[in-house]
PDB file of N, CA and C in Angstrom:
ATOM      1  N   UNK A   1      -0.405 -13.299 -27.212  1.00  0.00           N
ATOM      2  CA  UNK A   1      -0.931 -14.299 -25.814  1.00  0.00           C
ATOM      3  C   UNK A   1      -1.651 -15.561 -26.528  1.00  0.00           C
ATOM      4  N   UNK A   2      -2.170 -15.435 -27.458  1.00  0.00           N
ATOM      5  CA  UNK A   2      -2.998 -16.406 -27.983  1.00  0.00           C
ATOM      6  C   UNK A   2      -4.546 -16.232 -27.938  1.00  0.00           C
ATOM      7  N   UNK A   3      -5.036 -15.059 -27.923  1.00  0.00           N
ATOM      8  CA  UNK A   3      -6.494 -14.735 -27.714  1.00  0.00           C
ATOM      9  C   UNK A   3      -6.873 -14.592 -28.864  1.00  0.00           C
ATOM     10  N   UNK A   4      -8.200 -14.927 -28.991  1.00  0.00           N
ATOM     11  CA  UNK A   4      -9.144 -14.266 -30.353  1.00  0.00           C
ATOM     12  C   UNK A   4     -10.229 -13.929 -29.952  1.00  0.00           C
ATOM     13  N   UNK A   5     -10.552 -12.818 -30.632  1.00  0.00           N
ATOM     14  CA  UNK A   5     -11.970 -11.948 -30.528  1.00  0.00           C
ATOM     15  C   UNK A   5     -13.119 -12.690 -30.717  1.00  0.00           C
ATOM     16  N   UNK A   6     -13.953 -12.404 -29.999  1.00  0.00           N
ATOM     17  CA  UNK A   6     -15.269 -13.026 -30.302  1.00  0.00           C
ATOM     18  C   UNK A   6     -15.951 -12.358 -31.288  1.00  0.00           C
ATOM     19  N   UNK A   7     -16.676 -13.037 -32.310  1.00  0.00           N
ATOM     20  CA  UNK A   7     -17.235 -12.256 -33.527  1.00  0.00           C
ATOM     21  C   UNK A   7     -18.130 -11.385 -33.290  1.00  0.00           C
ATOM     22  N   UNK A   8     -18.963 -11.691 -32.115  1.00  0.00           N
ATOM     23  CA  UNK A   8     -19.876 -10.790 -31.770  1.00  0.00           C
ATOM     24  C   UNK A   8     -19.522  -9.230 -31.128  1.00  0.00           C
ATOM     25  N   UNK A   9     -18.668  -9.321 -30.490  1.00  0.00           N
ATOM     26  CA  UNK A   9     -17.741  -8.132 -29.694  1.00  0.00           C
ATOM     27  C   UNK A   9     -16.313  -8.150 -29.748  1.00  0.00           C
ATOM     28  N   UNK A  10     -15.943  -7.011 -30.662  1.00  0.00           N
ATOM     29  CA  UNK A  10     -14.368  -6.895 -30.624  1.00  0.00           C
ATOM     30  C   UNK A  10     -13.452  -6.708 -29.559  1.00  0.00           C
ATOM     31  N   UNK A  11     -14.234  -6.564 -28.392  1.00  0.00           N
ATOM     32  CA  UNK A  11     -13.497  -5.966 -27.346  1.00  0.00           C
ATOM     33  C   UNK A  11     -13.615  -7.300 -26.252  1.00  0.00           C
ATOM     34  N   UNK A  12     -14.022  -8.269 -26.482  1.00  0.00           N
ATOM     35  CA  UNK A  12     -14.227  -9.501 -25.938  1.00  0.00           C
ATOM     36  C   UNK A  12     -13.288 -10.712 -26.533  1.00  0.00           C
ATOM     37  N   UNK A  13     -12.331 -11.179 -25.712  1.00  0.00           N
ATOM     38  CA  UNK A  13     -11.431 -11.991 -26.147  1.00  0.00           C
ATOM     39  C   UNK A  13     -11.453 -13.260 -25.431  1.00  0.00           C
ATOM     40  N   UNK A  14     -11.127 -14.602 -26.201  1.00  0.00           N
ATOM     41  CA  UNK A  14     -11.154 -15.689 -25.547  1.00  0.00           C
ATOM     42  C   UNK A  14      -9.811 -16.546 -25.765  1.00  0.00           C
ATOM     43  N   UNK A  15      -9.252 -17.515 -24.865  1.00  0.00           N
ATOM     44  CA  UNK A  15      -8.171 -18.421 -25.117  1.00  0.00           C
ATOM     45  C   UNK A  15      -8.816 -19.661 -24.621  1.00  0.00           C
ATOM     46  N   UNK A  16      -8.881 -20.774 -25.322  1.00  0.00           N
ATOM     47  CA  UNK A  16      -8.864 -22.066 -24.992  1.00  0.00           C
ATOM     48  C   UNK A  16      -7.857 -22.620 -24.684  1.00  0.00           C
ATOM     49  N   UNK A  17      -7.612 -23.361 -23.618  1.00  0.00           N
ATOM     50  CA  UNK A  17      -6.372 -24.106 -23.321  1.00  0.00           C
ATOM     51  C   UNK A  17      -6.948 -25.653 -22.946  1.00  0.00           C
ATOM     52  N   UNK A  18      -5.860 -26.684 -23.033  1.00  0.00           N
ATOM     53  CA  UNK A  18      -6.334 -28.028 -22.539  1.00  0.00           C
ATOM     54  C   UNK A  18      -6.866 -28.086 -21.229  1.00  0.00           C
ATOM     55  N   UNK A  19      -6.358 -27.008 -20.427  1.00  0.00           N
ATOM     56  CA  UNK A  19      -7.044 -27.090 -18.964  1.00  0.00           C
ATOM     57  C   UNK A  19      -8.177 -26.337 -18.574  1.00  0.00           C
ATOM     58  N   UNK A  20      -8.910 -25.449 -19.760  1.00  0.00           N
ATOM     59  CA  UNK A  20      -9.885 -24.444 -19.338  1.00  0.00           C
ATOM     60  C   UNK A  20      -9.849 -23.219 -20.252  1.00  0.00           C
ATOM     61  N   UNK A  21     -10.533 -22.480 -20.202  1.00  0.00           N
ATOM     62  CA  UNK A  21     -10.768 -21.096 -20.872  1.00  0.00           C
ATOM     63  C   UNK A  21     -10.512 -19.789 -20.254  1.00  0.00           C
ATOM     64  N   UNK A  22     -10.148 -18.852 -20.764  1.00  0.00           N
ATOM     65  CA  UNK A  22      -9.879 -17.618 -20.356  1.00  0.00           C
ATOM     66  C   UNK A  22     -10.641 -16.632 -21.007  1.00  0.00           C
ATOM     67  N   UNK A  23     -11.222 -15.483 -20.577  1.00  0.00           N
ATOM     68  CA  UNK A  23     -12.430 -14.727 -21.145  1.00  0.00           C
ATOM     69  C   UNK A  23     -11.891 -13.344 -20.661  1.00  0.00           C
ATOM     70  N   UNK A  24     -11.407 -12.676 -21.583  1.00  0.00           N
ATOM     71  CA  UNK A  24     -10.911 -11.147 -21.336  1.00  0.00           C
ATOM     72  C   UNK A  24     -11.659 -10.165 -21.859  1.00  0.00           C
ATOM     73  N   UNK A  25     -12.509  -9.159 -21.264  1.00  0.00           N
ATOM     74  CA  UNK A  25     -13.215  -8.006 -21.605  1.00  0.00           C
ATOM     75  C   UNK A  25     -12.133  -6.854 -21.487  1.00  0.00           C
ATOM     76  N   UNK A  26     -11.908  -6.166 -22.616  1.00  0.00           N
ATOM     77  CA  UNK A  26     -11.188  -5.186 -22.481  1.00  0.00           C
ATOM     78  C   UNK A  26     -11.795  -3.994 -23.007  1.00  0.00           C
ATOM     79  N   UNK A  27     -11.408  -2.488 -22.075  1.00  0.00           N
ATOM     80  CA  UNK A  27     -11.946  -1.281 -22.563  1.00  0.00           C
ATOM     81  C   UNK A  27     -10.820  -0.390 -22.137  1.00  0.00           C
ATOM     82  N   UNK A  28     -10.333   0.279 -23.317  1.00  0.00           N
ATOM     83  CA  UNK A  28      -9.144   1.134 -23.353  1.00  0.00           C
ATOM     84  C   UNK A  28      -7.828   0.106 -22.314  1.00  0.00           C
ATOM     85  N   UNK A  29      -7.792   0.474 -20.993  1.00  0.00           N
ATOM     86  CA  UNK A  29      -6.801   0.371 -20.553  1.00  0.00           C
ATOM     87  C   UNK A  29      -7.060  -0.666 -19.168  1.00  0.00           C
ATOM     88  N   UNK A  30      -8.343  -1.035 -19.280  1.00  0.00           N
ATOM     89  CA  UNK A  30      -9.188  -1.847 -18.252  1.00  0.00           C
ATOM     90  C   UNK A  30      -9.528  -3.349 -18.789  1.00  0.00           C
ATOM     91  N   UNK A  31      -9.090  -4.438 -18.098  1.00  0.00           N
ATOM     92  CA  UNK A  31      -9.508  -5.686 -18.391  1.00  0.00           C
ATOM     93  C   UNK A  31      -9.973  -6.556 -17.426  1.00  0.00           C
ATOM     94  N   UNK A  32     -11.172  -7.037 -17.681  1.00  0.00           N
ATOM     95  CA  UNK A  32     -11.977  -8.031 -16.728  1.00  0.00           C
ATOM     96  C   UNK A  32     -11.376  -9.203 -17.398  1.00  0.00           C
ATOM     97  N   UNK A  33     -10.957 -10.157 -16.327  1.00  0.00           N
ATOM     98  CA  UNK A  33     -10.349 -11.552 -16.837  1.00  0.00           C
ATOM     99  C   UNK A  33     -11.507 -12.405 -16.026  1.00  0.00           C
ATOM    100  N   UNK A  34     -11.937 -13.292 -16.708  1.00  0.00           N
ATOM    101  CA  UNK A  34     -12.800 -14.787 -16.246  1.00  0.00           C
ATOM    102  C   UNK A  34     -12.063 -15.803 -16.512  1.00  0.00           C
ATOM    103  N   UNK A  35     -11.530 -16.906 -15.630  1.00  0.00           N
ATOM    104  CA  UNK A  35     -10.903 -18.055 -15.874  1.00  0.00           C
ATOM    105  C   UNK A  35     -11.317 -18.954 -15.068  1.00  0.00           C
ATOM    106  N   UNK A  36     -11.121 -20.449 -15.893  1.00  0.00           N
ATOM    107  CA  UNK A  36     -11.554 -21.356 -15.005  1.00  0.00           C
ATOM    108  C   UNK A  36     -10.299 -21.888 -14.054  1.00  0.00           C
ATOM    109  N   UNK A  37      -9.548 -21.437 -13.704  1.00  0.00           N
ATOM    110  CA  UNK A  37      -8.318 -21.605 -12.657  1.00  0.00           C
ATOM    111  C   UNK A  37      -7.632 -20.488 -12.217  1.00  0.00           C
ATOM    112  N   UNK A  38      -7.126 -20.678 -10.767  1.00  0.00           N
ATOM    113  CA  UNK A  38      -6.169 -19.622 -10.424  1.00  0.00           C
ATOM    114  C   UNK A  38      -4.815 -19.588 -11.390  1.00  0.00           C
ATOM    115  N   UNK A  39      -4.581 -20.782 -11.860  1.00  0.00           N
ATOM    116  CA  UNK A  39      -3.243 -20.642 -12.550  1.00  0.00           C
ATOM    117  C   UNK A  39      -3.156 -20.124 -14.054  1.00  0.00           C
ATOM    118  N   UNK A  40      -4.253 -20.305 -14.612  1.00  0.00           N
ATOM    119  CA  UNK A  40      -4.589 -19.329 -15.807  1.00  0.00           C
ATOM    120  C   UNK A  40      -4.549 -17.898 -15.329  1.00  0.00           C
ATOM    121  N   UNK A  41      -5.226 -17.551 -14.360  1.00  0.00           N
ATOM    122  CA  UNK A  41      -5.185 -16.142 -13.939  1.00  0.00           C
ATOM    123  C   UNK A  41      -3.790 -15.396 -13.609  1.00  0.00           C
ATOM    124  N   UNK A  42      -3.079 -16.446 -13.025  1.00  0.00           N
ATOM    125  CA  UNK A  42      -1.619 -15.697 -12.687  1.00  0.00           C
ATOM    126  C   UNK A  42      -0.603 -16.021 -13.820  1.00  0.00           C
ATOM    127  N   UNK A  43      -1.023 -16.940 -14.784  1.00  0.00           N
ATOM    128  CA  UNK A  43      -0.253 -16.971 -16.045  1.00  0.00           C
ATOM    129  C   UNK A  43      -0.482 -15.469 -16.734  1.00  0.00           C
ATOM    130  N   UNK A  44      -1.848 -15.033 -16.900  1.00  0.00           N
ATOM    131  CA  UNK A  44      -2.414 -13.789 -17.661  1.00  0.00           C
ATOM    132  C   UNK A  44      -1.441 -12.716 -16.837  1.00  0.00           C
ATOM    133  N   UNK A  45      -1.624 -12.592 -15.574  1.00  0.00           N
ATOM    134  CA  UNK A  45      -0.919 -11.705 -14.860  1.00  0.00           C
ATOM    135  C   UNK A  45       0.488 -11.310 -15.139  1.00  0.00           C
ATOM    136  N   UNK A  46       1.282 -12.552 -15.114  1.00  0.00           N
ATOM    137  CA  UNK A  46       2.597 -12.833 -15.167  1.00  0.00           C
ATOM    138  C   UNK A  46       2.755 -11.961 -16.779  1.00  0.00           C
ATOM    139  N   UNK A  47       2.263 -12.461 -17.716  1.00  0.00           N
ATOM    140  CA  UNK A  47       2.589 -12.173 -18.986  1.00  0.00           C
ATOM    141  C   UNK A  47       2.282 -10.576 -19.053  1.00  0.00           C
ATOM    142  N   UNK A  48       1.369  -9.905 -18.714  1.00  0.00           N
ATOM    143  CA  UNK A  48       0.777  -8.685 -18.642  1.00  0.00           C
ATOM    144  C   UNK A  48       2.047  -7.582 -18.060  1.00  0.00           C
ATOM    145  N   UNK A  49       2.391  -8.272 -16.685  1.00  0.00           N
ATOM    146  CA  UNK A  49       3.462  -7.454 -15.923  1.00  0.00           C
ATOM    147  C   UNK A  49       4.763  -7.678 -16.394  1.00  0.00           C
ATOM    148  N   UNK A  50       5.085  -8.134 -17.663  1.00  0.00           N
ATOM    149  CA  UNK A  50       6.480  -8.208 -18.281  1.00  0.00           C
ATOM    150  C   UNK A  50       6.416  -6.953 -19.125  1.00  0.00           C
ATOM    151  N   UNK A  51       5.201  -6.309 -19.455  1.00  0.00           N
ATOM    152  CA  UNK A  51       5.106  -5.219 -20.161  1.00  0.00           C
ATOM    153  C   UNK A  51       4.446  -3.767 -19.620  1.00  0.00           C
ATOM    154  N   UNK A  52       3.563  -4.288 -18.497  1.00  0.00           N
ATOM    155  CA  UNK A  52       2.768  -3.039 -17.969  1.00  0.00           C
ATOM    156  C   UNK A  52       2.733  -3.100 -16.375  1.00  0.00           C
ATOM    157  N   UNK A  53       2.391  -1.924 -15.773  1.00  0.00           N
ATOM    158  CA  UNK A  53       2.177  -1.912 -14.256  1.00  0.00           C
ATOM    159  C   UNK A  53       0.910  -2.361 -14.241  1.00  0.00           C
ATOM    160  N   UNK A  54       0.310  -3.156 -13.133  1.00  0.00           N
ATOM    161  CA  UNK A  54      -1.013  -3.748 -13.118  1.00  0.00           C
ATOM    162  C   UNK A  54      -1.666  -3.072 -11.884  1.00  0.00           C
ATOM    163  N   UNK A  55      -2.868  -3.014 -11.823  1.00  0.00           N
ATOM    164  CA  UNK A  55      -3.606  -2.864 -10.654  1.00  0.00           C
ATOM    165  C   UNK A  55      -4.676  -3.933 -10.619  1.00  0.00           C
ATOM    166  N   UNK A  56      -4.441  -4.857  -9.564  1.00  0.00           N
ATOM    167  CA  UNK A  56      -5.241  -6.129  -9.441  1.00  0.00           C
ATOM    168  C   UNK A  56      -6.293  -5.764  -8.459  1.00  0.00           C
ATOM    169  N   UNK A  57      -7.655  -6.554  -8.984  1.00  0.00           N
ATOM    170  CA  UNK A  57      -8.670  -6.689  -7.968  1.00  0.00           C
ATOM    171  C   UNK A  57      -9.037  -7.870  -8.025  1.00  0.00           C
ATOM    172  N   UNK A  58      -9.533  -8.439  -6.887  1.00  0.00           N
ATOM    173  CA  UNK A  58     -10.040  -9.941  -7.016  1.00  0.00           C
ATOM    174  C   UNK A  58     -11.600  -9.741  -6.562  1.00  0.00           C
ATOM    175  N   UNK A  59     -11.787 -10.115  -5.226  1.00  0.00           N
ATOM    176  CA  UNK A  59     -13.307 -10.605  -4.884  1.00  0.00           C
ATOM    177  C   UNK A  59     -14.008  -9.447  -4.730  1.00  0.00           C
ATOM    178  N   UNK A  60     -13.628  -8.266  -4.688  1.00  0.00           N
ATOM    179  CA  UNK A  60     -14.519  -7.042  -4.486  1.00  0.00           C
ATOM    180  C   UNK A  60     -13.743  -6.141  -5.462  1.00  0.00           C
ATOM    181  N   UNK A  61     -14.377  -5.763  -6.685  1.00  0.00           N
ATOM    182  CA  UNK A  61     -14.008  -5.076  -7.732  1.00  0.00           C
ATOM    183  C   UNK A  61     -14.693  -3.885  -8.475  1.00  0.00           C
ATOM    184  N   UNK A  62     -14.218  -2.901  -9.052  1.00  0.00           N
ATOM    185  CA  UNK A  62     -14.750  -2.156  -9.984  1.00  0.00           C
ATOM    186  C   UNK A  62     -14.457  -2.116 -11.189  1.00  0.00           C
ATOM    187  N   UNK A  63     -15.338  -2.265 -12.288  1.00  0.00           N
ATOM    188  CA  UNK A  63     -15.089  -2.167 -13.676  1.00  0.00           C
ATOM    189  C   UNK A  63     -16.035  -1.521 -14.517  1.00  0.00           C
ATOM    190  N   UNK A  64     -15.553  -0.501 -15.083  1.00  0.00           N
ATOM    191  CA  UNK A  64     -16.574   0.502 -15.938  1.00  0.00           C
ATOM    192  C   UNK A  64     -17.882   0.901 -15.200  1.00  0.00           C
ATOM    193  N   UNK A  65     -17.705   1.106 -13.993  1.00  0.00           N
ATOM    194  CA  UNK A  65     -18.860   1.540 -13.375  1.00  0.00           C
ATOM    195  C   UNK A  65     -19.724   0.731 -12.445  1.00  0.00           C
ATOM    196  N   UNK A  66     -19.223  -0.609 -12.703  1.00  0.00           N
ATOM    197  CA  UNK A  66     -19.769  -1.914 -12.154  1.00  0.00           C
ATOM    198  C   UNK A  66     -19.085  -2.127 -10.803  1.00  0.00           C
ATOM    199  N   UNK A  67     -19.701  -2.495  -9.615  1.00  0.00           N
ATOM    200  CA  UNK A  67     -19.063  -2.914  -8.474  1.00  0.00           C
ATOM    201  C   UNK A  67     -19.420  -4.251  -8.645  1.00  0.00           C
ATOM    202  N   UNK A  68     -18.445  -5.187  -8.409  1.00  0.00           N
ATOM    203  CA  UNK A  68     -18.651  -6.739  -8.565  1.00  0.00           C
ATOM    204  C   UNK A  68     -18.184  -7.683  -7.345  1.00  0.00           C
ATOM    205  N   UNK A  69     -18.834  -7.924  -6.532  1.00  0.00           N
ATOM    206  CA  UNK A  69     -18.475  -8.538  -5.528  1.00  0.00           C
ATOM    207  C   UNK A  69     -18.989 -10.191  -5.483  1.00  0.00           C
ATOM    208  N   UNK A  70     -17.668 -11.057  -4.865  1.00  0.00           N
ATOM    209  CA  UNK A  70     -17.884 -12.406  -4.956  1.00  0.00           C
ATOM    210  C   UNK A  70     -18.723 -12.593  -3.587  1.00  0.00           C
ATOM    211  N   UNK A  71     -19.619 -13.485  -4.097  1.00  0.00           N
ATOM    212  CA  UNK A  71     -20.516 -13.900  -2.747  1.00  0.00           C
ATOM    213  C   UNK A  71     -20.577 -15.561  -2.876  1.00  0.00           C
ATOM    214  N   UNK A  72     -20.975 -16.023  -1.840  1.00  0.00           N
ATOM    215  CA  UNK A  72     -21.205 -17.388  -1.811  1.00  0.00           C
ATOM    216  C   UNK A  72     -22.038 -17.798  -2.700  1.00  0.00           C
ATOM    217  N   UNK A  73     -21.806 -18.641  -3.762  1.00  0.00           N
ATOM    218  CA  UNK A  73     -22.683 -18.853  -4.699  1.00  0.00           C
ATOM    219  C   UNK A  73     -22.991 -18.268  -5.650  1.00  0.00           C
ATOM    220  N   UNK A  74     -22.000 -17.041  -6.048  1.00  0.00           N
ATOM    221  CA  UNK A  74     -22.159 -16.285  -6.931  1.00  0.00           C
ATOM    222  C   UNK A  74     -21.637 -14.852  -7.005  1.00  0.00           C
ATOM    223  N   UNK A  75     -22.248 -14.122  -7.645  1.00  0.00           N
ATOM    224  CA  UNK A  75     -21.743 -12.419  -7.832  1.00  0.00           C
ATOM    225  C   UNK A  75     -22.832 -11.564  -7.732  1.00  0.00           C
ATOM    226  N   UNK A  76     -22.369 -10.609  -7.024  1.00  0.00           N
ATOM    227  CA  UNK A  76     -23.548  -9.423  -6.589  1.00  0.00           C
ATOM    228  C   UNK A  76     -22.975  -8.206  -7.611  1.00  0.00           C
ATOM    229  N   UNK A  77     -23.695  -7.659  -8.409  1.00  0.00           N
ATOM    230  CA  UNK A  77     -23.045  -6.755  -9.443  1.00  0.00           C
ATOM    231  C   UNK A  77     -23.944  -5.623  -9.182  1.00  0.00           C
ATOM    232  N   UNK A  78     -23.635  -4.410  -8.827  1.00  0.00           N
ATOM    233  CA  UNK A  78     -24.169  -3.040  -8.639  1.00  0.00           C
ATOM    234  C   UNK A  78     -23.465  -1.695  -9.477  1.00  0.00           C
ATOM    235  N   UNK A  79     -24.402  -0.976  -9.358  1.00  0.00           N
ATOM    236  CA  UNK A  79     -23.798   0.311  -9.779  1.00  0.00           C
ATOM    237  C   UNK A  79     -23.948   1.618  -8.946  1.00  0.00           C
ATOM    238  N   UNK A  80     -24.129   1.214  -7.412  1.00  0.00           N
ATOM    239  CA  UNK A  80     -23.995   2.256  -6.715  1.00  0.00           C
ATOM    240  C   UNK A  80     -23.474   3.507  -6.674  1.00  0.00           C
ATOM    241  N   UNK A  81     -21.971   3.299  -6.980  1.00  0.00           N
ATOM    242  CA  UNK A  81     -21.113   4.821  -7.107  1.00  0.00           C
ATOM    243  C   UNK A  81     -21.689   5.232  -8.392  1.00  0.00           C
ATOM    244  N   UNK A  82     -21.985   4.668  -9.310  1.00  0.00           N
ATOM    245  CA  UNK A  82     -22.078   5.371 -10.479  1.00  0.00           C
ATOM    246  C   UNK A  82     -23.730   6.136 -10.352  1.00  0.00           C
ATOM    247  N   UNK A  83     -24.724   5.644 -10.021  1.00  0.00           N
ATOM    248  CA  UNK A  83     -25.916   6.181  -9.660  1.00  0.00           C
ATOM    249  C   UNK A  83     -25.939   7.328  -8.554  1.00  0.00           C
ATOM    250  N   UNK A  84     -24.953   7.026  -7.653  1.00  0.00           N
ATOM    251  CA  UNK A  84     -24.819   8.203  -6.723  1.00  0.00           C
ATOM    252  C   UNK A  84     -24.024   9.379  -7.458  1.00  0.00           C
ATOM    253  N   UNK A  85     -23.001   9.313  -8.346  1.00  0.00           N
ATOM    254  CA  UNK A  85     -22.727  10.351  -9.075  1.00  0.00           C
ATOM    255  C   UNK A  85     -23.317  11.081 -10.165  1.00  0.00           C
ATOM    256  N   UNK A  86     -24.475  10.184 -10.818  1.00  0.00           N
ATOM    257  CA  UNK A  86     -25.442  10.951 -11.595  1.00  0.00           C
ATOM    258  C   UNK A  86     -26.331  11.608 -10.532  1.00  0.00           C
ATOM    259  N   UNK A  87     -26.806  10.939  -9.483  1.00  0.00           N
ATOM    260  CA  UNK A  87     -27.664  11.721  -8.801  1.00  0.00           C
ATOM    261  C   UNK A  87     -27.017  13.097  -8.213  1.00  0.00           C
ATOM    262  N   UNK A  88     -25.983  13.255  -7.949  1.00  0.00           N
ATOM    263  CA  UNK A  88     -25.103  14.231  -7.335  1.00  0.00           C
ATOM    264  C   UNK A  88     -25.135  15.471  -8.534  1.00  0.00           C
ATOM    265  N   UNK A  89     -24.537  14.884  -9.842  1.00  0.00           N
ATOM    266  CA  UNK A  89     -24.463  15.777 -11.003  1.00  0.00           C
ATOM    267  C   UNK A  89     -25.647  16.234 -11.577  1.00  0.00           C
ATOM    268  N   UNK A  90     -26.894  15.607 -11.611  1.00  0.00           N
ATOM    269  CA  UNK A  90     -28.076  16.107 -11.842  1.00  0.00           C
ATOM    270  C   UNK A  90     -28.879  16.685 -10.668  1.00  0.00           C
ATOM    271  N   UNK A  91     -28.730  16.820  -9.448  1.00  0.00           N
ATOM    272  CA  UNK A  91     -28.904  17.240  -8.477  1.00  0.00           C
ATOM    273  C   UNK A  91     -30.160  16.723  -7.719  1.00  0.00           C
ATOM    274  N   UNK A  92     -30.285  15.105  -8.203  1.00  0.00           N
ATOM    275  CA  UNK A  92     -31.405  14.663  -7.663  1.00  0.00           C
ATOM    276  C   UNK A  92     -31.321  14.671  -6.190  1.00  0.00           C
ATOM    277  N   UNK A  93     -30.181  14.180  -5.632  1.00  0.00           N
ATOM    278  CA  UNK A  93     -29.812  14.373  -4.321  1.00  0.00           C
ATOM    279  C   UNK A  93     -30.629  15.529  -3.408  1.00  0.00           C
ATOM    280  N   UNK A  94     -30.826  16.648  -3.932  1.00  0.00           N
ATOM    281  CA  UNK A  94     -31.312  17.884  -3.308  1.00  0.00           C
ATOM    282  C   UNK A  94     -33.194  17.760  -3.680  1.00  0.00           C
ATOM    283  N   UNK A  95     -33.533  16.884  -4.374  1.00  0.00           N
ATOM    284  CA  UNK A  95     -34.957  16.945  -4.385  1.00  0.00           C
ATOM    285  C   UNK A  95     -35.780  16.508  -3.395  1.00  0.00           C
ATOM    286  N   UNK A  96     -36.645  17.183  -2.819  1.00  0.00           N
ATOM    287  CA  UNK A  96     -37.557  16.633  -1.818  1.00  0.00           C
ATOM    288  C   UNK A  96     -38.786  15.807  -2.151  1.00  0.00           C
ATOM    289  N   UNK A  97     -39.136  16.009  -3.460  1.00  0.00           N
ATOM    290  CA  UNK A  97     -40.293  15.071  -4.034  1.00  0.00           C
ATOM    291  C   UNK A  97     -39.445  14.368  -5.498  1.00  0.00           C
ATOM    292  N   UNK A  98     -40.264  13.331  -6.040  1.00  0.00           N
ATOM    293  CA  UNK A  98     -39.520  12.731  -7.093  1.00  0.00           C
ATOM    294  C   UNK A  98     -40.480  13.044  -8.347  1.00  0.00           C
ATOM    295  N   UNK A  99     -40.065  13.363  -9.527  1.00  0.00           N
ATOM    296  CA  UNK A  99     -40.682  13.960 -10.826  1.00  0.00           C
ATOM    297  C   UNK A  99     -41.667  12.629 -11.171  1.00  0.00           C
ATOM    298  N   UNK A 100     -42.613  12.727 -11.595  1.00  0.00           N
ATOM    299  CA  UNK A 100     -43.846  11.760 -11.977  1.00  0.00           C
ATOM    300  C   UNK A 100     -43.330  10.890 -13.407  1.00  0.00           C
ATOM    301  N   UNK A 101     -42.218  11.546 -13.912  1.00  0.00           N
ATOM    302  CA  UNK A 101     -41.876  10.934 -15.398  1.00  0.00           C
ATOM    303  C   UNK A 101     -40.362  10.486 -15.219  1.00  0.00           C
ATOM    304  N   UNK A 102     -39.797   9.624 -15.706  1.00  0.00           N
ATOM    305  CA  UNK A 102     -40.506   8.617 -16.824  1.00  0.00           C
ATOM    306  C   UNK A 102     -41.521   7.644 -16.224  1.00  0.00           C
ATOM    307  N   UNK A 103     -41.370   7.614 -14.866  1.00  0.00           N
ATOM    308  CA  UNK A 103     -41.959   6.594 -14.000  1.00  0.00           C
ATOM    309  C   UNK A 103     -42.373   6.982 -12.764  1.00  0.00           C
ATOM    310  N   UNK A 104     -43.610   6.559 -11.995  1.00  0.00           N
ATOM    311  CA  UNK A 104     -43.738   7.011 -10.852  1.00  0.00           C
ATOM    312  C   UNK A 104     -43.151   6.149  -9.577  1.00  0.00           C
ATOM    313  N   UNK A 105     -43.313   6.674  -8.555  1.00  0.00           N
ATOM    314  CA  UNK A 105     -42.871   5.754  -7.160  1.00  0.00           C
ATOM    315  C   UNK A 105     -43.407   4.467  -7.144  1.00  0.00           C
ATOM    316  N   UNK A 106     -44.648   4.230  -7.629  1.00  0.00           N
ATOM    317  CA  UNK A 106     -45.336   2.988  -7.424  1.00  0.00           C
ATOM    318  C   UNK A 106     -45.167   2.031  -8.426  1.00  0.00           C
ATOM    319  N   UNK A 107     -44.084   2.210  -9.526  1.00  0.00           N
ATOM    320  CA  UNK A 107     -43.823   1.639 -10.343  1.00  0.00           C
ATOM    321  C   UNK A 107     -43.930  -0.032 -10.002  1.00  0.00           C
TER     322      UNK A 107
END
C-alpha cells in the first residue's frame, strides 16, 4: 500500500501523498490510523476490506487499553477501563484505606 516504517519504531508506518500524510500504528491485528483527510481514511479502509473484515471506530475508540475521544479542539485520552480492570484484578477495589507506598494520597 506504499507505507514505510518509521526508523524509530517498526510498528509505526507513514505514507506521504501529494494531498497529505497517513500514519498507521500497528499492533498485531489492531491499527490506529491518523490522516489529514477523510478521503485518505476511506481509501485505507477500502484497501484493507479487500482482504480483511474490519471493525471500525471513529470519534470514540479503544486502542490497546486507551480510550480516545474526539473533543472540540482536540482529543481526550484515558485508561479508565484498564485501571478498573487492574484495580479489580489486584483487589484494590476492596481496600478501605490505601497503602502509603509507592506514594501517599497527598502526592
